[in-house]
Protein backbone atom coordinates (compact mmCIF):
# COMPACT_ATOMS: atom_id res chain seq x y z
CA UNK A 1 -7.03 142.59 65.37
CA UNK A 2 -9.39 139.94 63.84
CA UNK A 3 -8.94 136.22 64.60
CA UNK A 4 -7.83 135.42 61.11
CA UNK A 5 -5.07 137.98 61.31
CA UNK A 6 -3.88 136.61 64.55
CA UNK A 7 -3.93 133.13 63.03
CA UNK A 8 -1.77 134.32 60.13
CA UNK A 9 0.65 135.91 62.52
CA UNK A 10 0.84 132.57 64.45
CA UNK A 11 1.44 130.57 61.37
CA UNK A 12 4.31 132.87 60.23
CA UNK A 13 5.83 132.72 63.66
CA UNK A 14 5.49 128.93 63.64
CA UNK A 15 7.31 128.63 60.32
CA UNK A 16 10.19 130.84 61.56
CA UNK A 17 10.62 128.78 64.64
CA UNK A 18 10.65 125.52 62.68
CA UNK A 19 12.87 126.63 59.79
CA UNK A 20 15.42 128.56 62.01
CA UNK A 21 18.81 126.91 62.02
CA UNK A 22 17.28 124.18 60.02
CA UNK A 23 20.37 122.25 58.84
CA UNK A 24 22.43 123.09 61.91
CA UNK A 25 19.81 121.49 64.16
CA UNK A 26 18.57 118.79 61.88
CA UNK A 27 18.76 115.32 63.43
CA UNK A 28 19.90 112.60 61.14
CA UNK A 29 20.94 109.32 62.82
CA UNK A 30 20.13 105.70 62.51
CA UNK A 31 16.26 105.81 62.35
CA UNK A 32 16.27 108.60 59.79
CA UNK A 33 19.14 107.00 57.79
CA UNK A 34 17.23 103.79 57.22
CA UNK A 35 14.31 105.73 55.74
CA UNK A 36 16.73 107.60 53.62
CA UNK A 37 18.39 104.46 52.28
CA UNK A 38 14.96 103.02 51.29
CA UNK A 39 14.00 106.36 49.65
CA UNK A 40 17.31 106.56 47.70
CA UNK A 41 17.23 102.92 46.81
CA UNK A 42 13.67 103.18 45.48
CA UNK A 43 14.55 105.85 42.98
CA UNK A 44 18.21 105.35 42.25
CA UNK A 45 18.49 101.58 42.50
CA UNK A 46 14.88 100.80 41.44
CA UNK A 47 14.24 98.70 44.53
CA UNK A 48 10.64 98.69 45.52
CA UNK A 49 9.70 97.12 48.97
CA UNK A 50 6.68 95.57 50.71
CA UNK A 51 7.49 96.36 54.44
CA UNK A 52 8.44 99.46 56.40
CA UNK A 53 10.27 99.78 59.67
CA UNK A 54 10.37 97.24 62.48
CA UNK A 55 8.36 98.07 65.59
CA UNK A 56 8.97 97.26 69.21
CA UNK A 57 6.33 94.59 68.86
CA UNK A 58 8.73 92.66 66.62
CA UNK A 59 6.57 92.99 63.52
CA UNK A 60 7.36 95.10 60.47
CA UNK A 61 4.90 97.88 59.61
CA UNK A 62 3.46 98.38 56.09
CA UNK A 63 5.61 100.55 53.75
CA UNK A 64 3.34 103.52 53.33
CA UNK A 65 5.31 106.03 55.46
CA UNK A 66 8.59 105.07 53.74
CA UNK A 67 7.12 105.52 50.31
CA UNK A 68 5.59 108.90 51.28
CA UNK A 69 8.91 109.99 52.78
CA UNK A 70 10.68 108.92 49.64
CA UNK A 71 8.48 111.07 47.46
CA UNK A 72 9.24 114.04 49.85
CA UNK A 73 12.96 113.45 49.58
CA UNK A 74 13.12 113.06 45.80
CA UNK A 75 12.93 116.72 44.80
CA UNK A 76 15.95 117.38 47.13
CA UNK A 77 18.10 114.79 45.36
CA UNK A 78 17.82 112.68 48.54
CA UNK A 79 19.53 115.20 50.78
CA UNK A 80 17.80 114.60 54.14
CA UNK A 81 17.57 118.33 54.74
CA UNK A 82 14.57 118.20 52.43
CA UNK A 83 12.56 116.53 55.17
CA UNK A 84 13.36 119.42 57.34
CA UNK A 85 11.73 121.95 54.90
CA UNK A 86 8.67 119.66 54.50
CA UNK A 87 8.49 119.26 58.36
CA UNK A 88 8.01 122.96 58.68
CA UNK A 89 5.23 123.07 56.17
CA UNK A 90 3.38 120.06 57.74
CA UNK A 91 3.69 121.71 61.13
CA UNK A 92 1.66 124.58 59.76
CA UNK A 93 -1.02 122.05 58.73
CA UNK A 94 -1.08 120.66 62.26
CA UNK A 95 -1.34 124.10 63.86
CA UNK A 96 -4.19 125.05 61.35
CA UNK A 97 -6.16 121.99 62.38
CA UNK A 98 -5.58 122.70 66.03
CA UNK A 99 -7.21 126.07 65.49
CA UNK A 100 -10.03 124.58 63.42
CA UNK A 101 -10.83 121.90 66.12
CA UNK A 102 -10.34 123.97 69.19
CA UNK A 103 -11.29 127.55 67.92
CA UNK A 104 -8.86 128.80 70.47
CA UNK A 105 -6.08 131.22 69.44
CA UNK A 106 -4.55 130.78 72.97
CA UNK A 107 -4.08 127.04 72.43
CA UNK A 108 -2.82 127.63 68.96
CA UNK A 109 -0.24 130.13 70.13
CA UNK A 110 0.88 128.05 73.06
CA UNK A 111 1.39 125.04 70.77
CA UNK A 112 3.32 127.13 68.29
CA UNK A 113 5.78 128.45 70.78
CA UNK A 114 6.26 125.49 73.30
CA UNK A 115 9.90 124.56 73.05
CA UNK A 116 8.96 120.89 73.41
CA UNK A 117 6.75 121.02 70.34
CA UNK A 118 9.25 123.12 68.27
CA UNK A 119 12.02 120.59 69.06
CA UNK A 120 9.73 117.66 67.86
CA UNK A 121 8.69 119.62 64.79
CA UNK A 122 12.40 119.90 63.80
CA UNK A 123 12.60 116.11 63.80
CA UNK A 124 11.22 114.34 60.75
CA UNK A 125 10.65 110.66 61.51
CA UNK A 126 7.76 108.19 61.83
CA UNK A 127 6.33 109.94 64.98
CA UNK A 128 6.45 113.46 63.39
CA UNK A 129 2.81 113.28 62.23
CA UNK A 130 1.27 111.99 65.48
CA UNK A 131 -0.16 115.37 66.55
CA UNK A 132 -1.83 115.82 63.14
CA UNK A 133 -3.21 112.29 63.25
CA UNK A 134 -4.69 112.96 66.63
CA UNK A 135 -6.36 116.24 65.45
CA UNK A 136 -7.68 114.66 62.27
CA UNK A 137 -9.13 111.72 64.21
CA UNK A 138 -10.98 114.10 66.59
CA UNK A 139 -12.16 116.08 63.59
CA UNK A 140 -13.52 113.19 61.65
CA UNK A 141 -15.29 111.97 64.78
CA UNK A 142 -16.84 115.33 65.21
CA UNK A 143 -17.93 115.37 61.50
CA UNK A 144 -19.00 111.70 61.65
CA UNK A 145 -16.81 111.02 58.60
CA UNK A 146 -16.27 107.40 59.21
CA UNK A 147 -14.20 106.82 56.06
CA UNK A 148 -11.82 109.64 56.74
CA UNK A 149 -11.49 108.32 60.30
CA UNK A 150 -10.52 104.75 59.28
CA UNK A 151 -8.01 106.09 56.67
CA UNK A 152 -6.39 108.36 59.27
CA UNK A 153 -6.28 105.58 61.73
CA UNK A 154 -4.52 103.26 59.20
CA UNK A 155 -2.05 105.83 58.29
CA UNK A 156 -1.24 106.59 61.91
CA UNK A 157 -0.63 103.02 62.93
CA UNK A 158 1.38 102.32 59.75
CA UNK A 159 3.64 105.25 60.64
CA UNK A 160 4.20 104.20 64.32
CA UNK A 161 2.51 101.55 66.52
CA UNK A 162 2.23 104.09 69.39
CA UNK A 163 -0.91 105.24 67.49
CA UNK A 164 -2.70 102.03 68.40
CA UNK A 165 -3.86 104.09 71.36
CA UNK A 166 -5.97 106.01 68.87
CA UNK A 167 -7.73 102.85 67.76
CA UNK A 168 -8.47 102.02 71.44
CA UNK A 169 -9.85 105.56 71.89
CA UNK A 170 -12.31 105.09 68.98
CA UNK A 171 -13.39 101.70 70.34
CA UNK A 172 -14.07 103.37 73.76
CA UNK A 173 -15.81 106.50 72.41
CA UNK A 174 -17.71 105.37 69.31
CA UNK A 175 -17.12 101.85 68.20
CA UNK A 176 -19.71 102.14 65.34
CA UNK A 177 -17.34 104.68 63.74
CA UNK A 178 -15.13 101.70 62.76
CA UNK A 179 -17.80 100.48 60.25
CA UNK A 180 -15.09 100.43 57.55
CA UNK A 181 -12.64 98.31 59.61
CA UNK A 182 -12.43 95.77 56.88
CA UNK A 183 -11.20 98.47 54.54
CA UNK A 184 -8.60 99.49 57.08
CA UNK A 185 -7.49 95.88 57.73
CA UNK A 186 -7.13 95.24 54.06
CA UNK A 187 -4.94 98.35 53.46
CA UNK A 188 -2.77 97.50 56.51
CA UNK A 189 -2.31 93.80 55.92
CA UNK A 190 -2.06 93.63 52.09
CA UNK A 191 1.62 94.38 51.75
CA UNK A 192 2.52 92.42 54.90
CA UNK A 193 0.80 89.34 53.66
CA UNK A 194 2.52 89.74 50.16
CA UNK A 195 5.84 89.93 51.93
CA UNK A 196 5.22 86.87 54.16
CA UNK A 197 4.04 84.86 51.26
CA UNK A 198 7.35 85.56 49.60
CA UNK A 199 9.49 85.11 52.79
CA UNK A 200 8.13 82.06 54.51
CA UNK A 201 6.08 84.04 57.02
CA UNK A 202 9.11 85.66 58.55
CA UNK A 203 7.19 88.73 59.70
CA UNK A 204 4.40 86.71 61.31
CA UNK A 205 7.01 84.89 63.23
CA UNK A 206 7.73 88.17 65.08
CA UNK A 207 4.68 87.51 67.25
CA UNK A 208 6.49 84.53 68.72
CA UNK A 209 9.63 86.67 69.32
CA UNK A 210 7.46 89.24 71.00
CA UNK A 211 5.91 86.74 73.45
CA UNK A 212 9.44 85.37 74.30
CA UNK A 213 10.78 88.82 74.88
CA UNK A 214 7.98 89.88 77.14
CA UNK A 215 8.13 86.74 79.26
CA UNK A 216 11.62 87.74 80.66
CA UNK A 217 10.94 91.34 81.36
CA UNK A 218 10.09 93.18 84.54
CA UNK A 219 7.28 95.73 84.49
CA UNK A 220 8.10 99.30 83.96
CA UNK A 221 5.96 101.16 86.45
CA UNK A 222 7.23 104.54 85.27
CA UNK A 223 4.52 104.18 82.54
CA UNK A 224 1.81 105.33 85.09
CA UNK A 225 3.49 108.74 85.30
CA UNK A 226 4.33 109.33 81.65
CA UNK A 227 1.10 111.32 80.90
CA UNK A 228 1.55 114.10 83.47
CA UNK A 229 5.26 114.21 82.85
CA UNK A 230 4.69 114.87 79.16
CA UNK A 231 2.17 117.73 79.98
CA UNK A 232 4.78 119.38 82.18
CA UNK A 233 7.28 119.15 79.35
CA UNK A 234 4.90 120.87 77.13
CA UNK A 235 5.13 123.91 79.57
CA UNK A 236 8.84 123.72 80.21
CA UNK A 237 11.75 121.55 78.79
CA UNK A 238 15.01 121.90 80.51
CA UNK A 239 17.11 120.32 77.70
CA UNK A 240 18.27 122.62 74.94
CA UNK A 241 20.70 120.27 73.45
CA UNK A 242 18.70 118.59 70.77
CA UNK A 243 20.63 115.33 70.84
CA UNK A 244 19.50 114.95 74.43
CA UNK A 245 15.91 115.69 73.45
CA UNK A 246 15.73 113.13 70.74
CA UNK A 247 18.25 110.42 72.07
CA UNK A 248 17.26 106.90 73.07
CA UNK A 249 20.33 106.76 75.31
CA UNK A 250 19.06 105.92 78.76
CA UNK A 251 20.78 108.68 80.78
CA UNK A 252 19.30 111.36 78.50
CA UNK A 253 15.81 109.70 78.33
CA UNK A 254 15.67 109.47 82.18
CA UNK A 255 16.83 113.09 82.51
CA UNK A 256 13.94 114.25 80.29
CA UNK A 257 11.46 112.57 82.51
CA UNK A 258 12.98 113.93 85.79
CA UNK A 259 10.32 116.57 86.09
CA UNK A 260 10.13 119.11 88.90
CA UNK A 261 7.55 117.66 91.39
CA UNK A 262 5.60 120.86 91.56
CA UNK A 263 5.27 120.83 87.73
CA UNK A 264 4.16 117.21 87.99
CA UNK A 265 1.40 117.94 90.56
CA UNK A 266 0.30 120.93 88.54
CA UNK A 267 0.09 118.74 85.38
CA UNK A 268 -2.02 116.18 87.16
CA UNK A 269 -4.48 118.89 88.50
CA UNK A 270 -4.77 120.60 85.04
CA UNK A 271 -5.40 117.16 83.41
CA UNK A 272 -8.10 116.30 85.84
CA UNK A 273 -9.77 119.70 85.87
CA UNK A 274 -9.69 120.71 82.23
CA UNK A 275 -11.98 118.48 80.37
CA UNK A 276 -15.75 118.30 80.13
CA UNK A 277 -15.64 116.84 76.64
CA UNK A 278 -16.18 113.08 76.80
CA UNK A 279 -13.96 112.49 73.78
CA UNK A 280 -10.94 114.17 75.27
CA UNK A 281 -11.34 112.35 78.48
CA UNK A 282 -11.62 108.96 76.76
CA UNK A 283 -8.55 109.77 74.53
CA UNK A 284 -6.54 110.36 77.69
CA UNK A 285 -7.81 107.16 79.20
CA UNK A 286 -6.88 105.29 76.00
CA UNK A 287 -3.43 106.78 76.15
CA UNK A 288 -3.11 105.84 79.85
CA UNK A 289 -4.23 102.18 79.11
CA UNK A 290 -2.04 101.87 76.04
CA UNK A 291 1.06 103.25 77.56
CA UNK A 292 0.47 101.43 80.81
CA UNK A 293 0.17 98.04 79.11
CA UNK A 294 3.29 98.74 77.08
CA UNK A 295 5.19 99.58 80.29
CA UNK A 296 3.80 96.66 82.29
CA UNK A 297 5.00 94.34 79.44
CA UNK A 298 8.48 95.52 80.41
CA UNK A 299 9.27 97.77 77.41
CA UNK A 300 11.34 100.99 77.81
CA UNK A 301 9.25 104.25 77.65
CA UNK A 302 10.10 107.39 75.99
CA UNK A 303 8.40 110.77 76.09
CA UNK A 304 8.12 110.95 72.33
CA UNK A 305 5.45 108.21 72.41
CA UNK A 306 3.02 110.95 73.65
CA UNK A 307 3.78 113.59 70.90
CA UNK A 308 0.27 112.94 69.63
CA UNK A 309 -1.05 114.50 72.85
CA UNK A 310 0.75 117.74 72.42
CA UNK A 311 -2.27 119.52 70.84
CA UNK A 312 -4.44 118.16 73.64
CA UNK A 313 -2.01 119.68 76.21
CA UNK A 314 -2.19 123.03 74.41
CA UNK A 315 -6.06 122.91 74.63
CA UNK A 316 -5.97 121.84 78.34
CA UNK A 317 -3.56 124.68 79.22
CA UNK A 318 -5.65 127.26 77.26
CA UNK A 319 -8.90 126.07 79.08
CA UNK A 320 -7.23 126.59 82.45
CA UNK A 321 -5.98 130.03 81.46
CA UNK A 322 -9.51 130.98 80.20
CA UNK A 323 -10.79 130.42 83.77
CA UNK A 324 -8.33 132.62 85.37
CA UNK A 325 -8.84 136.32 85.95
CA UNK A 326 -8.05 138.14 82.61
CA UNK A 327 -4.95 139.96 83.91
CA UNK A 328 -3.53 136.91 85.56
CA UNK A 329 -4.20 134.73 82.55
CA UNK A 330 -2.39 137.25 80.31
CA UNK A 331 0.51 137.16 82.71
CA UNK A 332 0.59 133.34 82.48
CA UNK A 333 0.68 133.52 78.66
CA UNK A 334 3.51 136.11 78.68
CA UNK A 335 5.54 133.94 81.11
CA UNK A 336 4.95 130.81 78.97
CA UNK A 337 6.00 132.60 75.80
CA UNK A 338 9.11 134.21 77.43
CA UNK A 339 10.40 130.95 79.06
CA UNK A 340 9.90 128.83 75.94
CA UNK A 341 11.35 131.40 73.51
CA UNK A 342 14.31 131.73 75.92
CA UNK A 343 14.85 127.97 75.67
CA UNK A 344 14.54 128.15 71.98
CA UNK A 345 17.35 130.80 71.77
CA UNK A 346 19.66 128.48 73.78
CA UNK A 347 19.13 125.48 71.45
CA UNK A 348 22.08 123.55 69.84
CA UNK A 349 22.81 120.37 68.20
CA UNK A 350 26.45 119.49 68.17
CA UNK A 351 25.64 116.35 66.16
CA UNK A 352 23.53 118.28 63.66
CA UNK A 353 23.48 117.64 59.91
CA UNK A 354 25.73 120.69 59.17
CA UNK A 355 28.52 119.32 61.21
CA UNK A 356 28.23 115.88 59.54
CA UNK A 357 28.26 117.39 56.06
CA UNK A 358 31.29 119.55 56.95
CA UNK A 359 33.16 116.44 58.34
CA UNK A 360 32.41 114.60 55.10
CA UNK A 361 33.70 117.50 52.88
CA UNK A 362 36.88 117.61 54.93
CA UNK A 363 37.42 113.80 55.08
CA UNK A 364 36.91 113.38 51.28
CA UNK A 365 39.92 115.56 50.65
CA UNK A 366 42.09 112.81 52.20
CA UNK A 367 40.03 109.71 51.24
CA UNK A 368 39.12 110.21 47.65
CA UNK A 369 40.45 107.53 45.43
CA UNK A 370 41.26 105.10 48.20
CA UNK A 371 39.67 102.03 49.73
CA UNK A 372 38.84 103.20 53.25
CA UNK A 373 36.96 102.09 56.33
CA UNK A 374 34.49 104.18 58.30
CA UNK A 375 34.61 103.41 62.11
CA UNK A 376 33.07 104.99 65.15
CA UNK A 377 34.19 104.94 68.78
CA UNK A 378 31.61 106.87 70.73
CA UNK A 379 29.66 106.80 73.91
CA UNK A 380 26.07 106.57 72.59
CA UNK A 381 25.24 108.15 69.34
CA UNK A 382 27.94 106.46 67.09
CA UNK A 383 27.51 109.35 64.58
CA UNK A 384 24.91 107.42 62.67
CA UNK A 385 23.88 108.92 59.32
CA UNK A 386 27.38 109.32 58.03
CA UNK A 387 27.47 106.10 55.91
CA UNK A 388 24.50 107.37 53.80
CA UNK A 389 25.86 110.86 53.51
CA UNK A 390 29.20 109.49 52.22
CA UNK A 391 27.15 107.60 49.63
CA UNK A 392 25.53 110.78 48.47
CA UNK A 393 28.93 112.51 48.39
CA UNK A 394 30.19 109.99 45.74
CA UNK A 395 32.95 108.53 48.01
CA UNK A 396 31.41 105.59 49.96
CA UNK A 397 33.65 103.64 52.27
CA UNK A 398 34.70 100.17 51.23
CA UNK A 399 33.38 98.97 54.67
CA UNK A 400 32.01 100.58 57.76
CA UNK A 401 30.78 100.14 61.28
CA UNK A 402 27.12 100.29 59.89
CA UNK A 403 27.46 97.40 57.54
CA UNK A 404 25.79 94.89 59.78
CA UNK A 405 22.72 97.09 59.67
CA UNK A 406 22.61 98.55 56.20
CA UNK A 407 24.77 96.54 53.88
CA UNK A 408 21.83 94.91 52.19
CA UNK A 409 20.77 98.48 51.05
CA UNK A 410 24.07 99.41 49.42
CA UNK A 411 24.52 99.48 45.66
CA UNK A 412 27.91 97.69 46.06
CA UNK A 413 28.77 95.06 48.68
CA UNK A 414 31.34 95.80 51.34
CA UNK A 415 34.83 94.28 51.04
CA UNK A 416 36.33 91.85 53.40
CA UNK A 417 40.02 92.59 53.05
CA UNK A 418 42.30 95.38 54.17
CA UNK A 419 41.87 99.03 53.31
CA UNK A 420 44.25 101.89 52.59
CA UNK A 421 42.93 104.30 55.22
CA UNK A 422 40.61 104.56 58.18
CA UNK A 423 38.33 107.39 59.16
CA UNK A 424 37.49 107.14 62.85
CA UNK A 425 34.72 109.46 64.07
CA UNK A 426 34.20 109.88 67.75
CA UNK A 427 32.92 112.14 70.44
CA UNK A 428 35.73 111.21 72.89
CA UNK A 429 39.44 111.16 72.94
CA UNK A 430 40.92 108.85 70.22
CA UNK A 431 43.00 106.04 71.59
CA UNK A 432 43.73 103.76 68.53
CA UNK A 433 47.52 103.96 68.77
CA UNK A 434 48.00 104.68 65.11
CA UNK A 435 49.73 107.64 63.59
CA UNK A 436 47.14 110.23 62.77
CA UNK A 437 47.50 111.80 59.36
CA UNK A 438 44.76 114.37 59.93
CA UNK A 439 42.16 115.32 62.49
CA UNK A 440 39.43 118.04 62.93
CA UNK A 441 36.45 118.51 65.08
CA UNK A 442 32.99 119.38 64.04
CA UNK A 443 30.61 120.23 66.81
CA UNK A 444 30.87 117.23 69.19
CA UNK A 445 32.28 114.90 66.44
CA UNK A 446 36.05 114.56 65.82
CA UNK A 447 37.35 112.84 62.74
CA UNK A 448 40.79 111.03 62.72
CA UNK A 449 42.33 109.79 59.52
CA UNK A 450 45.15 107.21 59.62
CA UNK A 451 46.55 104.17 57.93
CA UNK A 452 46.04 100.78 59.43
């Protein structure tokens, strides 16, 4: 079979893996809800904006990713599942560029099937495009397209500050490629300066907050192991519950990085032995420096900061397999595919979008026409995303547990007084003491309706 036929097969397989159980697995919590509120408000409430999300560096980012996400959501009437359909399509773009850059069907196939990659590709949020940004940057460096490079770099950093490592990489590898830095700086800073001029330099004041926060933190030495840990997760990810893969909750985040020591050693060896290309070695060095500095400043570290390296890990693994005896290399590929497809078959998301939509449909039967309060009593996830979904359903709560975060985005202000009913959503036993009028469980989420 010709290479182009294999590539078509891989792309079809990739789309199947990324659209399978799309709504059941779709992750829609606080980070995604904020973007959805901005998208909905832009079109429905005619509220344009000059800043995007807040970064761990205490400074807001430019709004380009939010505007782009709003355009993607608009054809789906702002139902967040639209992002899931788009994510599958953009994943194909990433896989295609991986093949164009590496010319390796093995790397492309491994990337397509890796359960860690498939799980990340099911999650549309600011880090979703990191693998594509990395590949485009490498491609534009190869083609010596300095304008394409600076535009890609700006889009990457405006989506998420973890991509500052890509800027450091270009400085190490070919600093003259940044000849259009002034254009990139202008595109990046223009909306932020406009915002600060209108808001008494509040965003710029975030630099002071950053310095204050860093001064009181202990260094996070785990940063030094994050690169090989992420490579081993490309090969095998133990978690199949998607909430555990995506969650910021510390127990889940730590469990994701609790890698088998033999896998960790193998990852280090593969990383050291794979690369003869200077640009890839410098890219890994840039990531090591960037992640290391972030950790030494005392910030918490999460494996999703390294999603941009997933195509690189695919190429590294393919290079090692190529050096093995043919029969043994084929066996390694078969084992890789079998293990990752098995993990894929076991995947669940008890907090997925389907469960949340079904809960809303059920609750609205009891809450329609009343002033009611949405509350949460949960261990970690707090069922974020529900406040926005109730707004889309046409029956928003009069007040909710998310008002401190999102009330400035609502079409109507929350009330201060008493309510007729309360909907409590929780992933543990309810203990309010009130007489429950109705209750039902959806995945890991149970809804209780009662009068205060």
